[in-house]
Protein backbone atom coordinates (compact mmCIF):
# COMPACT_ATOMS: atom_id res chain seq x y z
CA MET A 1 19.94 -0.44 14.30
CA ASP A 2 23.63 -1.51 14.34
CA GLY A 3 24.44 -4.99 15.31
CA THR A 4 28.08 -4.43 16.16
CA ASP A 5 27.69 -4.82 20.03
CA ASN A 6 24.69 -7.21 19.99
CA GLN A 7 24.17 -9.52 16.90
CA VAL A 8 21.07 -11.12 17.80
CA SER A 9 18.93 -8.13 19.06
CA PRO A 10 18.13 -6.61 15.75
CA LEU A 11 16.34 -9.69 14.83
CA ASP A 12 13.52 -8.44 17.25
CA LEU A 13 12.90 -5.58 14.79
CA PHE A 14 11.67 -7.98 12.37
CA VAL A 15 8.96 -9.73 14.29
CA GLY A 16 5.58 -8.91 12.81
CA ALA A 17 7.06 -7.33 9.51
CA GLU A 18 5.38 -8.44 6.24
CA HIS A 19 8.51 -7.89 4.18
CA VAL A 20 12.22 -8.18 4.86
CA SER A 21 15.11 -7.90 2.48
CA SER A 22 18.16 -9.43 3.94
CA TYR A 23 21.14 -8.71 1.92
CA ASP A 24 24.72 -9.73 2.00
CA LEU A 25 27.25 -7.50 0.22
CA LYS A 26 29.76 -9.29 -2.00
CA SER A 27 33.36 -8.29 -1.37
CA ALA A 28 32.02 -5.12 0.33
CA THR A 29 35.27 -4.18 2.19
CA ASP A 30 37.23 -4.68 -1.07
CA GLY A 31 34.67 -2.64 -3.23
CA TRP A 32 33.27 0.08 -1.10
CA PRO A 33 34.12 3.38 -2.40
CA ILE A 34 37.10 4.88 -0.39
CA ASN A 35 36.27 8.39 -1.52
CA LEU A 36 32.78 7.90 0.15
CA GLN A 37 34.40 7.19 3.49
CA GLY A 38 36.95 10.08 2.88
CA ASP A 39 34.01 12.32 2.51
CA ILE A 40 32.37 11.24 5.73
CA LEU A 41 35.91 11.60 7.45
CA ALA A 42 36.10 15.16 6.10
CA PHE A 43 32.76 16.02 7.13
CA LEU A 44 32.97 14.80 10.55
CA PHE A 45 36.61 15.93 11.27
CA GLY A 46 37.89 18.27 8.56
CA SER A 47 39.79 17.64 5.44
CA GLU A 48 42.91 17.56 7.31
CA VAL A 49 42.12 14.17 8.85
CA GLU A 50 41.26 12.73 5.56
CA GLU A 51 44.38 13.93 3.95
CA TYR A 52 46.60 12.70 6.80
CA PRO A 53 49.28 10.08 5.70
CA PHE A 54 49.06 6.65 7.13
CA ALA A 55 52.70 6.36 7.76
CA ARG A 56 55.19 9.27 7.57
CA GLY A 57 58.40 8.71 5.72
CA ARG A 58 57.07 5.62 3.66
CA PRO A 59 55.81 5.41 0.26
CA VAL A 60 52.46 6.58 -0.54
CA VAL A 61 49.85 3.99 -1.65
CA SER A 62 46.66 5.08 -3.11
CA PHE A 63 43.28 3.34 -2.83
CA GLU A 64 40.28 3.85 -4.94
CA THR A 65 38.05 1.35 -3.40
CA GLY A 66 38.14 -0.91 -0.19
CA GLN A 67 39.82 -0.80 3.15
CA PRO A 68 43.11 0.65 3.25
CA LEU A 69 45.50 -1.82 4.89
CA GLY A 70 46.36 -0.81 8.62
CA TYR A 71 43.70 1.86 8.55
CA LEU A 72 42.61 1.28 12.16
CA SER A 73 39.09 2.91 11.72
CA SER A 74 38.06 0.97 8.62
CA TRP A 75 35.63 -1.05 10.26
CA PRO A 76 33.58 1.68 11.92
CA LEU A 77 33.94 3.90 8.89
CA PHE A 78 32.80 1.41 6.63
CA THR A 79 29.72 0.59 8.94
CA LEU A 80 29.03 4.37 9.43
CA SER A 81 29.03 4.96 5.71
CA HIS A 82 26.71 1.78 5.28
CA HIS A 83 24.16 3.40 7.55
CA LEU A 84 24.49 6.77 5.89
CA VAL A 85 23.86 4.94 2.37
CA LEU A 86 20.76 3.32 3.78
CA GLN A 87 19.45 6.58 5.33
CA SER A 88 19.95 8.39 2.08
CA CYS A 89 17.91 5.72 0.31
CA ALA A 90 15.16 6.02 3.02
CA GLU A 91 15.25 9.87 2.27
CA LYS A 92 14.24 9.27 -1.25
CA VAL A 93 11.08 7.40 -0.27
CA TYR A 94 10.26 8.95 3.01
CA PRO A 95 11.68 12.71 2.89
CA GLY A 96 12.27 14.35 6.07
CA ARG A 97 11.79 10.99 8.19
CA TYR A 98 14.48 9.05 9.84
CA PHE A 99 14.00 5.42 9.06
CA ASP A 100 14.67 2.93 11.92
CA ARG A 101 13.22 -0.42 10.42
CA TYR A 102 16.47 -1.84 9.31
CA ALA A 103 19.71 -3.46 10.85
CA ILE A 104 23.30 -3.48 9.84
CA LEU A 105 26.36 -5.55 10.87
CA GLY A 106 29.20 -4.67 8.56
CA ASP A 107 28.12 -6.04 5.16
CA ASP A 108 24.99 -7.67 6.33
CA ILE A 109 21.81 -5.57 6.20
CA CYS A 110 17.94 -6.26 6.51
CA ILE A 111 15.38 -3.70 5.41
CA THR A 112 11.61 -3.96 6.15
CA ASP A 113 10.55 -1.62 3.41
CA ARG A 114 10.23 -2.95 -0.30
CA LYS A 115 10.70 0.57 -1.79
CA ILE A 116 13.80 1.24 0.29
CA ALA A 117 15.29 -1.88 -0.30
CA SER A 118 14.78 -1.59 -4.08
CA ILE A 119 16.43 1.84 -4.01
CA TYR A 120 19.31 0.44 -1.79
CA HIS A 121 20.04 -2.32 -4.28
CA GLN A 122 20.27 0.10 -7.16
CA VAL A 123 22.36 2.42 -5.15
CA VAL A 124 25.11 -0.13 -3.94
CA THR A 125 25.23 -1.57 -7.35
CA ASN A 126 25.98 1.96 -8.70
CA LEU A 127 28.62 2.27 -6.01
CA GLY A 128 30.25 -0.58 -7.64
CA VAL A 129 29.33 -3.27 -4.86
CA ASP A 130 27.32 -6.29 -5.80
CA LEU A 131 24.90 -8.09 -3.55
CA SER A 132 25.71 -11.72 -2.97
CA ILE A 133 22.49 -13.38 -4.20
CA PRO A 134 23.08 -16.93 -2.87
CA LYS A 135 23.58 -15.29 0.85
CA SER A 136 20.79 -12.98 0.43
CA LEU A 137 16.99 -13.61 1.34
CA VAL A 138 13.95 -11.50 0.19
CA SER A 139 10.92 -12.64 2.25
CA ASN A 140 7.40 -11.62 1.99
CA SER A 141 6.34 -13.50 5.08
CA GLY A 142 8.48 -11.97 7.54
CA GLY A 143 11.53 -13.92 7.49
CA ALA A 144 14.95 -12.47 8.03
CA GLU A 145 18.60 -13.72 8.08
CA PHE A 146 20.97 -11.42 10.00
CA SER A 147 24.63 -12.28 10.85
CA LYS A 148 23.90 -16.10 10.31
CA CYS A 149 20.71 -15.91 12.43
CA PHE A 150 17.27 -16.62 10.85
CA ARG A 151 14.11 -15.32 12.32
CA CYS A 152 10.59 -15.86 11.08
CA HIS A 153 7.89 -14.27 13.23
CA ASN A 154 8.78 -15.66 16.58
CA LEU A 155 10.80 -18.80 15.56
CA SER A 156 14.47 -18.28 15.73
CA VAL A 157 17.39 -20.36 14.56
CA ASP A 158 20.73 -19.01 15.29
CA PHE A 159 23.93 -19.72 13.09
CA LEU A 160 21.94 -21.16 10.33
CA ARG A 161 24.09 -22.57 7.61
CA TRP A 162 22.51 -22.24 4.07
CA LYS A 163 24.00 -25.67 2.94
CA ALA A 164 22.22 -27.23 5.96
CA CYS A 165 19.01 -25.66 4.83
CA ARG A 166 19.32 -26.82 1.30
CA ARG A 167 19.84 -30.44 2.60
CA LEU A 168 16.70 -29.95 4.76
CA LEU A 169 14.56 -28.81 1.80
CA GLY A 170 15.95 -31.68 -0.36
CA LYS A 171 17.90 -29.24 -2.84
CA GLU A 172 21.34 -30.99 -2.11
CA ARG A 173 22.31 -34.44 -1.61
CA GLU A 174 24.78 -35.80 0.70
CA GLU A 175 28.20 -36.84 -0.77
CA GLY A 176 28.11 -40.41 -2.02
CA GLU A 177 24.24 -40.51 -2.40
């Protein structure tokens, strides 16, 4: 499920899930392979679109990774490629079946299957994108964090800040203590 239009509704997917891997990609828009996005553009619209210059009459700038500046479709293309990467991971675990127990919003992703989550972690690492471990949550009790909202079973906390959680858990002291 894509969370672009509604950032909270994907959390409903995780109610009752035993396992949820909530990952945040580190510097995803800077590190996501541009050739992967170009291949998707070429597949969908033909190689002419992929090779079309951004601005005619100006010097050409080449990108190997990341989102090209001024590339108006960068967010949707990144999101589409993120979904396709996840589906390719699911295909390795469940060949021929569409996997729908996940949610993506840009560089945030929640996956309810341990095996798929493990393969996803390997694949994005191989693509040159790291997971932000401090912003990620792997839960075997059904807890999920998506777009700064936390859900565990039917309990929901919106716009949760990790620093506030650490304080609540006594892991971090207030300044001056």
